[in-house]
Amino acid sequence: MHIEPNELLRQITEKNDKHAFATLYETMHESLYDFALAIVKLREPAEEITADVFIRLWERRVSMEYTRIRSCRLYLFMCVKNASLNYLRNNKRAEQLDLERLSMSNWRLETNPEELMITAEMASRLNRAIGELPAKCGIIFRLVKEEGLSYKEVAQLLDVSEKTVENQIGIALKKIKQAICFRVPAGFA
Protein backbone atom coordinates (compact mmCIF):
# COMPACT_ATOMS: atom_id res chain seq x y z
CA MET A 1 0.00 0.00 0.00
CA HIS A 2 1.40 3.35 -1.08
CA ILE A 3 0.64 6.42 1.04
CA GLU A 4 1.17 9.88 -0.42
CA PRO A 5 3.83 12.08 1.25
CA ASN A 6 1.20 14.72 2.12
CA GLU A 7 -0.77 12.14 4.10
CA LEU A 8 2.40 10.91 5.80
CA LEU A 9 3.23 14.49 6.79
CA ARG A 10 -0.28 14.90 8.23
CA GLN A 11 0.16 11.73 10.31
CA ILE A 12 3.60 12.88 11.49
CA THR A 13 2.40 16.31 12.59
CA GLU A 14 -1.01 15.38 14.00
CA LYS A 15 -0.21 12.02 15.59
CA ASN A 16 3.57 12.03 16.16
CA ASP A 17 3.49 8.91 14.00
CA LYS A 18 6.98 7.35 13.93
CA HIS A 19 5.89 4.75 11.37
CA ALA A 20 4.67 7.49 9.01
CA PHE A 21 8.00 9.29 9.49
CA ALA A 22 9.94 6.10 8.69
CA THR A 23 7.78 5.55 5.60
CA LEU A 24 8.32 9.13 4.42
CA TYR A 25 12.05 8.71 4.97
CA GLU A 26 12.12 5.45 2.99
CA THR A 27 10.04 6.99 0.22
CA MET A 28 11.94 10.25 -0.18
CA HIS A 29 15.49 9.75 1.14
CA GLU A 30 17.19 8.51 -2.02
CA SER A 31 15.70 11.19 -4.27
CA LEU A 32 16.54 13.95 -1.81
CA TYR A 33 20.07 12.61 -1.34
CA ASP A 34 20.58 12.46 -5.13
CA PHE A 35 19.33 16.06 -5.42
CA ALA A 36 21.69 17.25 -2.67
CA LEU A 37 24.56 15.35 -4.29
CA ALA A 38 23.78 17.00 -7.62
CA ILE A 39 24.22 20.40 -5.94
CA VAL A 40 27.13 19.89 -3.49
CA LYS A 41 28.91 17.16 -5.50
CA LEU A 42 30.24 15.45 -2.35
CA ARG A 43 28.70 12.29 -0.90
CA GLU A 44 29.24 12.89 2.81
CA PRO A 45 27.83 16.44 2.89
CA ALA A 46 24.91 15.34 0.69
CA GLU A 47 24.09 12.56 3.16
CA GLU A 48 24.39 14.96 6.11
CA ILE A 49 22.17 17.53 4.41
CA THR A 50 19.51 14.92 3.69
CA ALA A 51 19.64 13.52 7.22
CA ASP A 52 19.48 17.02 8.71
CA VAL A 53 16.36 17.83 6.68
CA PHE A 54 14.61 14.76 8.09
CA ILE A 55 15.85 15.44 11.62
CA ARG A 56 14.55 19.02 11.47
CA LEU A 57 11.23 17.77 10.10
CA TRP A 58 10.85 15.41 13.06
CA GLU A 59 11.96 18.05 15.59
CA ARG A 60 9.49 20.61 14.21
CA ARG A 61 6.58 18.23 13.73
CA VAL A 62 4.61 19.57 16.70
CA SER A 63 4.89 23.24 15.72
CA MET A 64 4.66 22.65 11.97
CA GLU A 65 1.50 23.82 10.25
CA TYR A 66 1.29 21.02 7.70
CA THR A 67 -1.92 22.45 6.21
CA ARG A 68 0.14 25.37 4.87
CA ILE A 69 2.35 22.93 2.92
CA ARG A 70 0.62 22.12 -0.35
CA SER A 71 3.19 19.57 -1.48
CA CYS A 72 5.32 17.63 0.97
CA ARG A 73 7.60 16.56 -1.90
CA LEU A 74 8.22 20.15 -2.96
CA TYR A 75 8.69 21.22 0.65
CA LEU A 76 11.38 18.57 1.22
CA PHE A 77 13.15 19.36 -2.06
CA MET A 78 13.15 23.07 -1.14
CA CYS A 79 14.60 22.24 2.28
CA VAL A 80 17.37 20.18 0.63
CA LYS A 81 18.05 22.91 -1.94
CA ASN A 82 18.32 25.59 0.76
CA ALA A 83 20.49 23.42 3.02
CA SER A 84 22.74 22.56 0.06
CA LEU A 85 23.14 26.21 -0.90
CA ASN A 86 23.89 27.05 2.75
CA TYR A 87 26.53 24.33 2.76
CA LEU A 88 28.13 25.77 -0.39
CA ARG A 89 28.02 29.31 1.05
CA ASN A 90 29.50 28.21 4.39
CA ASN A 91 32.25 26.31 2.65
CA LYS A 92 33.15 29.17 0.31
CA ARG A 93 31.81 27.47 -2.80
CA ALA A 94 29.47 28.83 -5.46
CA GLU A 95 26.28 30.25 -4.00
CA GLN A 96 24.06 30.12 -7.06
CA LEU A 97 22.22 26.99 -8.11
CA ASP A 98 23.71 26.48 -11.57
CA LEU A 99 21.52 24.00 -13.40
CA GLU A 100 24.10 23.55 -16.14
CA ARG A 101 26.69 22.25 -13.63
CA LEU A 102 24.51 19.86 -11.66
CA SER A 103 25.83 16.32 -11.68
CA MET A 104 23.39 13.65 -12.81
CA SER A 105 25.79 10.74 -12.41
CA ASN A 106 24.32 9.32 -9.21
CA TRP A 107 20.66 10.04 -9.81
CA ARG A 108 19.09 6.79 -10.97
CA LEU A 109 15.72 6.05 -12.46
CA GLU A 110 13.95 3.55 -10.25
CA THR A 111 12.28 1.09 -12.59
CA ASN A 112 10.43 -2.10 -11.95
CA PRO A 113 10.10 -3.83 -15.33
CA GLU A 114 7.21 -6.00 -14.11
CA GLU A 115 5.20 -3.01 -12.95
CA LEU A 116 6.05 -0.93 -16.00
CA MET A 117 5.64 -3.95 -18.32
CA ILE A 118 8.81 -3.20 -20.24
CA THR A 119 11.73 -5.40 -21.08
CA ALA A 120 15.08 -5.23 -19.32
CA GLU A 121 16.61 -3.95 -22.54
CA MET A 122 14.04 -1.15 -22.74
CA ALA A 123 14.66 -0.23 -19.10
CA SER A 124 18.38 -0.16 -19.80
CA ARG A 125 17.90 2.06 -22.85
CA LEU A 126 15.59 4.34 -20.90
CA ASN A 127 18.06 4.69 -18.01
CA ARG A 128 20.91 5.34 -20.43
CA ALA A 129 18.87 7.93 -22.37
CA ILE A 130 17.90 9.77 -19.19
CA GLY A 131 21.49 9.66 -17.96
CA GLU A 132 22.68 11.22 -21.22
CA LEU A 133 20.32 14.20 -21.02
CA PRO A 134 21.99 17.56 -20.42
CA ALA A 135 22.13 18.28 -16.68
CA LYS A 136 19.41 20.96 -16.60
CA CYS A 137 17.12 18.89 -18.78
CA GLY A 138 17.74 15.72 -16.76
CA ILE A 139 17.11 17.37 -13.39
CA ILE A 140 13.85 18.88 -14.61
CA PHE A 141 12.76 15.59 -16.21
CA ARG A 142 13.42 13.62 -13.03
CA LEU A 143 11.65 16.12 -10.78
CA VAL A 144 8.55 16.11 -13.00
CA LYS A 145 8.38 12.50 -14.16
CA GLU A 146 9.94 10.60 -11.27
CA GLU A 147 9.14 12.79 -8.29
CA GLY A 148 5.73 13.89 -9.51
CA LEU A 149 6.29 17.61 -9.03
CA SER A 150 4.22 19.93 -11.20
CA TYR A 151 5.83 22.26 -13.74
CA LYS A 152 5.01 25.16 -11.42
CA GLU A 153 6.64 23.43 -8.43
CA VAL A 154 9.79 22.61 -10.40
CA ALA A 155 9.96 26.18 -11.69
CA GLN A 156 9.70 27.44 -8.11
CA LEU A 157 12.27 24.95 -6.81
CA LEU A 158 14.85 25.71 -9.50
CA ASP A 159 14.12 29.43 -9.90
CA VAL A 160 13.22 29.13 -13.59
CA SER A 161 10.05 29.91 -15.52
CA GLU A 162 7.29 27.35 -16.07
CA LYS A 163 7.91 27.76 -19.81
CA THR A 164 11.54 26.69 -19.27
CA VAL A 165 10.32 23.57 -17.46
CA GLU A 166 7.85 22.85 -20.26
CA ASN A 167 10.51 23.31 -22.93
CA GLN A 168 13.03 21.12 -21.09
CA ILE A 169 10.45 18.34 -20.67
CA GLY A 170 9.74 18.53 -24.41
CA ILE A 171 13.46 18.28 -25.18
CA ALA A 172 13.87 15.36 -22.77
CA LEU A 173 10.93 13.43 -24.18
CA LYS A 174 12.14 13.95 -27.74
CA LYS A 175 15.69 12.77 -26.90
CA ILE A 176 14.43 9.80 -24.90
CA LYS A 177 12.05 8.78 -27.68
CA GLN A 178 14.92 8.87 -30.19
CA ALA A 179 17.20 6.90 -27.87
CA ILE A 180 14.78 4.09 -27.04
CA CYS A 181 13.20 3.67 -30.46
CA PHE A 182 13.19 -0.01 -31.45
CA ARG A 183 13.41 -0.89 -35.11
CA VAL A 184 11.33 -3.90 -36.10
CA PRO A 185 12.88 -6.02 -38.87
CA ALA A 186 10.87 -6.08 -42.10
CA GLY A 187 9.96 -9.76 -41.77
CA PHE A 188 8.19 -9.26 -38.41
CA ALA A 189 5.67 -6.61 -39.38
C-alpha atoms as a PDB file:
ATOM      1  CA  MET A   1       0.000   0.000   0.000  1.00  0.00           C
ATOM      2  CA  HIS A   2       1.397   3.355  -1.080  1.00  0.00           C
ATOM      3  CA  ILE A   3       0.644   6.419   1.040  1.00  0.00           C
ATOM      4  CA  GLU A   4       1.174   9.881  -0.420  1.00  0.00           C
ATOM      5  CA  PRO A   5       3.830  12.078   1.249  1.00  0.00           C
ATOM      6  CA  ASN A   6       1.205  14.719   2.119  1.00  0.00           C
ATOM      7  CA  GLU A   7      -0.769  12.135   4.096  1.00  0.00           C
ATOM      8  CA  LEU A   8       2.398  10.915   5.804  1.00  0.00           C
ATOM      9  CA  LEU A   9       3.229  14.495   6.788  1.00  0.00           C
ATOM     10  CA  ARG A  10      -0.278  14.901   8.233  1.00  0.00           C
ATOM     11  CA  GLN A  11       0.163  11.735  10.311  1.00  0.00           C
ATOM     12  CA  ILE A  12       3.597  12.882  11.488  1.00  0.00           C
ATOM     13  CA  THR A  13       2.404  16.312  12.586  1.00  0.00           C
ATOM     14  CA  GLU A  14      -1.008  15.376  14.002  1.00  0.00           C
ATOM     15  CA  LYS A  15      -0.214  12.020  15.591  1.00  0.00           C
ATOM     16  CA  ASN A  16       3.567  12.029  16.159  1.00  0.00           C
ATOM     17  CA  ASP A  17       3.485   8.908  14.003  1.00  0.00           C
ATOM     18  CA  LYS A  18       6.976   7.352  13.928  1.00  0.00           C
ATOM     19  CA  HIS A  19       5.895   4.750  11.375  1.00  0.00           C
ATOM     20  CA  ALA A  20       4.675   7.492   9.012  1.00  0.00           C
ATOM     21  CA  PHE A  21       7.997   9.290   9.487  1.00  0.00           C
ATOM     22  CA  ALA A  22       9.937   6.097   8.685  1.00  0.00           C
ATOM     23  CA  THR A  23       7.785   5.550   5.599  1.00  0.00           C
ATOM     24  CA  LEU A  24       8.321   9.129   4.424  1.00  0.00           C
ATOM     25  CA  TYR A  25      12.052   8.711   4.969  1.00  0.00           C
ATOM     26  CA  GLU A  26      12.116   5.445   2.989  1.00  0.00           C
ATOM     27  CA  THR A  27      10.037   6.987   0.216  1.00  0.00           C
ATOM     28  CA  MET A  28      11.944  10.252  -0.185  1.00  0.00           C
ATOM     29  CA  HIS A  29      15.491   9.753   1.139  1.00  0.00           C
ATOM     30  CA  GLU A  30      17.190   8.506  -2.015  1.00  0.00           C
ATOM     31  CA  SER A  31      15.703  11.191  -4.269  1.00  0.00           C
ATOM     32  CA  LEU A  32      16.543  13.950  -1.808  1.00  0.00           C
ATOM     33  CA  TYR A  33      20.073  12.613  -1.345  1.00  0.00           C
ATOM     34  CA  ASP A  34      20.576  12.460  -5.130  1.00  0.00           C
ATOM     35  CA  PHE A  35      19.329  16.056  -5.418  1.00  0.00           C
ATOM     36  CA  ALA A  36      21.693  17.250  -2.669  1.00  0.00           C
ATOM     37  CA  LEU A  37      24.559  15.355  -4.292  1.00  0.00           C
ATOM     38  CA  ALA A  38      23.784  17.003  -7.624  1.00  0.00           C
ATOM     39  CA  ILE A  39      24.222  20.397  -5.936  1.00  0.00           C
ATOM     40  CA  VAL A  40      27.129  19.889  -3.494  1.00  0.00           C
ATOM     41  CA  LYS A  41      28.906  17.157  -5.497  1.00  0.00           C
ATOM     42  CA  LEU A  42      30.236  15.451  -2.354  1.00  0.00           C
ATOM     43  CA  ARG A  43      28.697  12.286  -0.904  1.00  0.00           C
ATOM     44  CA  GLU A  44      29.236  12.886   2.810  1.00  0.00           C
ATOM     45  CA  PRO A  45      27.828  16.442   2.888  1.00  0.00           C
ATOM     46  CA  ALA A  46      24.907  15.335   0.692  1.00  0.00           C
ATOM     47  CA  GLU A  47      24.087  12.563   3.163  1.00  0.00           C
ATOM     48  CA  GLU A  48      24.392  14.958   6.113  1.00  0.00           C
ATOM     49  CA  ILE A  49      22.172  17.528   4.408  1.00  0.00           C
ATOM     50  CA  THR A  50      19.513  14.919   3.686  1.00  0.00           C
ATOM     51  CA  ALA A  51      19.644  13.520   7.216  1.00  0.00           C
ATOM     52  CA  ASP A  52      19.481  17.024   8.713  1.00  0.00           C
ATOM     53  CA  VAL A  53      16.356  17.833   6.681  1.00  0.00           C
ATOM     54  CA  PHE A  54      14.609  14.765   8.086  1.00  0.00           C
ATOM     55  CA  ILE A  55      15.854  15.436  11.620  1.00  0.00           C
ATOM     56  CA  ARG A  56      14.550  19.024  11.468  1.00  0.00           C
ATOM     57  CA  LEU A  57      11.230  17.768  10.096  1.00  0.00           C
ATOM     58  CA  TRP A  58      10.852  15.413  13.063  1.00  0.00           C
ATOM     59  CA  GLU A  59      11.956  18.053  15.589  1.00  0.00           C
ATOM     60  CA  ARG A  60       9.494  20.615  14.208  1.00  0.00           C
ATOM     61  CA  ARG A  61       6.584  18.226  13.729  1.00  0.00           C
ATOM     62  CA  VAL A  62       4.608  19.573  16.697  1.00  0.00           C
ATOM     63  CA  SER A  63       4.894  23.237  15.721  1.00  0.00           C
ATOM     64  CA  MET A  64       4.660  22.653  11.965  1.00  0.00           C
ATOM     65  CA  GLU A  65       1.497  23.819  10.246  1.00  0.00           C
ATOM     66  CA  TYR A  66       1.289  21.024   7.697  1.00  0.00           C
ATOM     67  CA  THR A  67      -1.917  22.453   6.211  1.00  0.00           C
ATOM     68  CA  ARG A  68       0.138  25.370   4.866  1.00  0.00           C
ATOM     69  CA  ILE A  69       2.349  22.933   2.924  1.00  0.00           C
ATOM     70  CA  ARG A  70       0.624  22.115  -0.355  1.00  0.00           C
ATOM     71  CA  SER A  71       3.193  19.571  -1.481  1.00  0.00           C
ATOM     72  CA  CYS A  72       5.319  17.632   0.970  1.00  0.00           C
ATOM     73  CA  ARG A  73       7.599  16.564  -1.904  1.00  0.00           C
ATOM     74  CA  LEU A  74       8.215  20.153  -2.959  1.00  0.00           C
ATOM     75  CA  TYR A  75       8.695  21.222   0.653  1.00  0.00           C
ATOM     76  CA  LEU A  76      11.385  18.565   1.218  1.00  0.00           C
ATOM     77  CA  PHE A  77      13.153  19.359  -2.064  1.00  0.00           C
ATOM     78  CA  MET A  78      13.146  23.065  -1.145  1.00  0.00           C
ATOM     79  CA  CYS A  79      14.603  22.236   2.277  1.00  0.00           C
ATOM     80  CA  VAL A  80      17.366  20.183   0.632  1.00  0.00           C
ATOM     81  CA  LYS A  81      18.048  22.909  -1.935  1.00  0.00           C
ATOM     82  CA  ASN A  82      18.322  25.587   0.759  1.00  0.00           C
ATOM     83  CA  ALA A  83      20.489  23.416   3.019  1.00  0.00           C
ATOM     84  CA  SER A  84      22.735  22.556   0.064  1.00  0.00           C
ATOM     85  CA  LEU A  85      23.140  26.205  -0.895  1.00  0.00           C
ATOM     86  CA  ASN A  86      23.891  27.051   2.752  1.00  0.00           C
ATOM     87  CA  TYR A  87      26.532  24.327   2.763  1.00  0.00           C
ATOM     88  CA  LEU A  88      28.126  25.774  -0.385  1.00  0.00           C
ATOM     89  CA  ARG A  89      28.019  29.307   1.051  1.00  0.00           C
ATOM     90  CA  ASN A  90      29.496  28.213   4.389  1.00  0.00           C
ATOM     91  CA  ASN A  91      32.249  26.306   2.646  1.00  0.00           C
ATOM     92  CA  LYS A  92      33.148  29.173   0.306  1.00  0.00           C
ATOM     93  CA  ARG A  93      31.812  27.465  -2.795  1.00  0.00           C
ATOM     94  CA  ALA A  94      29.471  28.826  -5.464  1.00  0.00           C
ATOM     95  CA  GLU A  95      26.276  30.254  -3.996  1.00  0.00           C
ATOM     96  CA  GLN A  96      24.058  30.118  -7.057  1.00  0.00           C
ATOM     97  CA  LEU A  97      22.223  26.987  -8.110  1.00  0.00           C
ATOM     98  CA  ASP A  98      23.706  26.484 -11.571  1.00  0.00           C
ATOM     99  CA  LEU A  99      21.518  24.003 -13.404  1.00  0.00           C
ATOM    100  CA  GLU A 100      24.105  23.553 -16.135  1.00  0.00           C
ATOM    101  CA  ARG A 101      26.687  22.254 -13.634  1.00  0.00           C
ATOM    102  CA  LEU A 102      24.507  19.858 -11.659  1.00  0.00           C
ATOM    103  CA  SER A 103      25.834  16.318 -11.677  1.00  0.00           C
ATOM    104  CA  MET A 104      23.394  13.652 -12.815  1.00  0.00           C
ATOM    105  CA  SER A 105      25.791  10.739 -12.411  1.00  0.00           C
ATOM    106  CA  ASN A 106      24.319   9.322  -9.209  1.00  0.00           C
ATOM    107  CA  TRP A 107      20.656  10.044  -9.812  1.00  0.00           C
ATOM    108  CA  ARG A 108      19.089   6.793 -10.970  1.00  0.00           C
ATOM    109  CA  LEU A 109      15.718   6.052 -12.463  1.00  0.00           C
ATOM    110  CA  GLU A 110      13.951   3.555 -10.254  1.00  0.00           C
ATOM    111  CA  THR A 111      12.279   1.088 -12.588  1.00  0.00           C
ATOM    112  CA  ASN A 112      10.432  -2.099 -11.951  1.00  0.00           C
ATOM    113  CA  PRO A 113      10.102  -3.828 -15.332  1.00  0.00           C
ATOM    114  CA  GLU A 114       7.206  -5.999 -14.110  1.00  0.00           C
ATOM    115  CA  GLU A 115       5.202  -3.007 -12.955  1.00  0.00           C
ATOM    116  CA  LEU A 116       6.051  -0.934 -15.997  1.00  0.00           C
ATOM    117  CA  MET A 117       5.641  -3.950 -18.315  1.00  0.00           C
ATOM    118  CA  ILE A 118       8.808  -3.198 -20.241  1.00  0.00           C
ATOM    119  CA  THR A 119      11.732  -5.398 -21.083  1.00  0.00           C
ATOM    120  CA  ALA A 120      15.075  -5.233 -19.320  1.00  0.00           C
ATOM    121  CA  GLU A 121      16.612  -3.946 -22.538  1.00  0.00           C
ATOM    122  CA  MET A 122      14.038  -1.152 -22.742  1.00  0.00           C
ATOM    123  CA  ALA A 123      14.660  -0.232 -19.095  1.00  0.00           C
ATOM    124  CA  SER A 124      18.376  -0.161 -19.799  1.00  0.00           C
ATOM    125  CA  ARG A 125      17.896   2.057 -22.854  1.00  0.00           C
ATOM    126  CA  LEU A 126      15.594   4.336 -20.895  1.00  0.00           C
ATOM    127  CA  ASN A 127      18.059   4.691 -18.006  1.00  0.00           C
ATOM    128  CA  ARG A 128      20.909   5.342 -20.428  1.00  0.00           C
ATOM    129  CA  ALA A 129      18.868   7.932 -22.373  1.00  0.00           C
ATOM    130  CA  ILE A 130      17.898   9.770 -19.194  1.00  0.00           C
ATOM    131  CA  GLY A 131      21.487   9.661 -17.958  1.00  0.00           C
ATOM    132  CA  GLU A 132      22.681  11.222 -21.216  1.00  0.00           C
ATOM    133  CA  LEU A 133      20.325  14.196 -21.020  1.00  0.00           C
ATOM    134  CA  PRO A 134      21.995  17.565 -20.423  1.00  0.00           C
ATOM    135  CA  ALA A 135      22.130  18.284 -16.678  1.00  0.00           C
ATOM    136  CA  LYS A 136      19.415  20.959 -16.602  1.00  0.00           C
ATOM    137  CA  CYS A 137      17.117  18.892 -18.777  1.00  0.00           C
ATOM    138  CA  GLY A 138      17.735  15.719 -16.761  1.00  0.00           C
ATOM    139  CA  ILE A 139      17.115  17.367 -13.390  1.00  0.00           C
ATOM    140  CA  ILE A 140      13.854  18.884 -14.611  1.00  0.00           C
ATOM    141  CA  PHE A 141      12.758  15.592 -16.209  1.00  0.00           C
ATOM    142  CA  ARG A 142      13.424  13.621 -13.027  1.00  0.00           C
ATOM    143  CA  LEU A 143      11.653  16.120 -10.777  1.00  0.00           C
ATOM    144  CA  VAL A 144       8.554  16.109 -12.999  1.00  0.00           C
ATOM    145  CA  LYS A 145       8.380  12.504 -14.165  1.00  0.00           C
ATOM    146  CA  GLU A 146       9.936  10.596 -11.266  1.00  0.00           C
ATOM    147  CA  GLU A 147       9.139  12.793  -8.287  1.00  0.00           C
ATOM    148  CA  GLY A 148       5.734  13.893  -9.512  1.00  0.00           C
ATOM    149  CA  LEU A 149       6.291  17.615  -9.026  1.00  0.00           C
ATOM    150  CA  SER A 150       4.224  19.931 -11.198  1.00  0.00           C
ATOM    151  CA  TYR A 151       5.829  22.264 -13.743  1.00  0.00           C
ATOM    152  CA  LYS A 152       5.010  25.156 -11.417  1.00  0.00           C
ATOM    153  CA  GLU A 153       6.636  23.434  -8.428  1.00  0.00           C
ATOM    154  CA  VAL A 154       9.792  22.613 -10.397  1.00  0.00           C
ATOM    155  CA  ALA A 155       9.963  26.184 -11.694  1.00  0.00           C
ATOM    156  CA  GLN A 156       9.701  27.442  -8.105  1.00  0.00           C
ATOM    157  CA  LEU A 157      12.269  24.951  -6.809  1.00  0.00           C
ATOM    158  CA  LEU A 158      14.854  25.711  -9.498  1.00  0.00           C
ATOM    159  CA  ASP A 159      14.121  29.434  -9.905  1.00  0.00           C
ATOM    160  CA  VAL A 160      13.222  29.134 -13.588  1.00  0.00           C
ATOM    161  CA  SER A 161      10.050  29.910 -15.524  1.00  0.00           C
ATOM    162  CA  GLU A 162       7.294  27.352 -16.072  1.00  0.00           C
ATOM    163  CA  LYS A 163       7.905  27.757 -19.807  1.00  0.00           C
ATOM    164  CA  THR A 164      11.538  26.689 -19.274  1.00  0.00           C
ATOM    165  CA  VAL A 165      10.318  23.574 -17.464  1.00  0.00           C
ATOM    166  CA  GLU A 166       7.846  22.846 -20.258  1.00  0.00           C
ATOM    167  CA  ASN A 167      10.512  23.308 -22.932  1.00  0.00           C
ATOM    168  CA  GLN A 168      13.026  21.122 -21.087  1.00  0.00           C
ATOM    169  CA  ILE A 169      10.452  18.335 -20.674  1.00  0.00           C
ATOM    170  CA  GLY A 170       9.739  18.533 -24.409  1.00  0.00           C
ATOM    171  CA  ILE A 171      13.459  18.281 -25.180  1.00  0.00           C
ATOM    172  CA  ALA A 172      13.868  15.359 -22.769  1.00  0.00           C
ATOM    173  CA  LEU A 173      10.933  13.426 -24.183  1.00  0.00           C
ATOM    174  CA  LYS A 174      12.144  13.953 -27.743  1.00  0.00           C
ATOM    175  CA  LYS A 175      15.686  12.771 -26.902  1.00  0.00           C
ATOM    176  CA  ILE A 176      14.432   9.800 -24.898  1.00  0.00           C
ATOM    177  CA  LYS A 177      12.054   8.775 -27.682  1.00  0.00           C
ATOM    178  CA  GLN A 178      14.922   8.867 -30.186  1.00  0.00           C
ATOM    179  CA  ALA A 179      17.200   6.901 -27.872  1.00  0.00           C
ATOM    180  CA  ILE A 180      14.776   4.094 -27.039  1.00  0.00           C
ATOM    181  CA  CYS A 181      13.203   3.667 -30.458  1.00  0.00           C
ATOM    182  CA  PHE A 182      13.193  -0.006 -31.451  1.00  0.00           C
ATOM    183  CA  ARG A 183      13.406  -0.892 -35.105  1.00  0.00           C
ATOM    184  CA  VAL A 184      11.325  -3.896 -36.099  1.00  0.00           C
ATOM    185  CA  PRO A 185      12.885  -6.019 -38.872  1.00  0.00           C
ATOM    186  CA  ALA A 186      10.874  -6.076 -42.099  1.00  0.00           C
ATOM    187  CA  GLY A 187       9.965  -9.759 -41.769  1.00  0.00           C
ATOM    188  CA  PHE A 188       8.190  -9.265 -38.413  1.00  0.00           C
ATOM    189  CA  ALA A 189       5.667  -6.614 -39.384  1.00  0.00           C
END
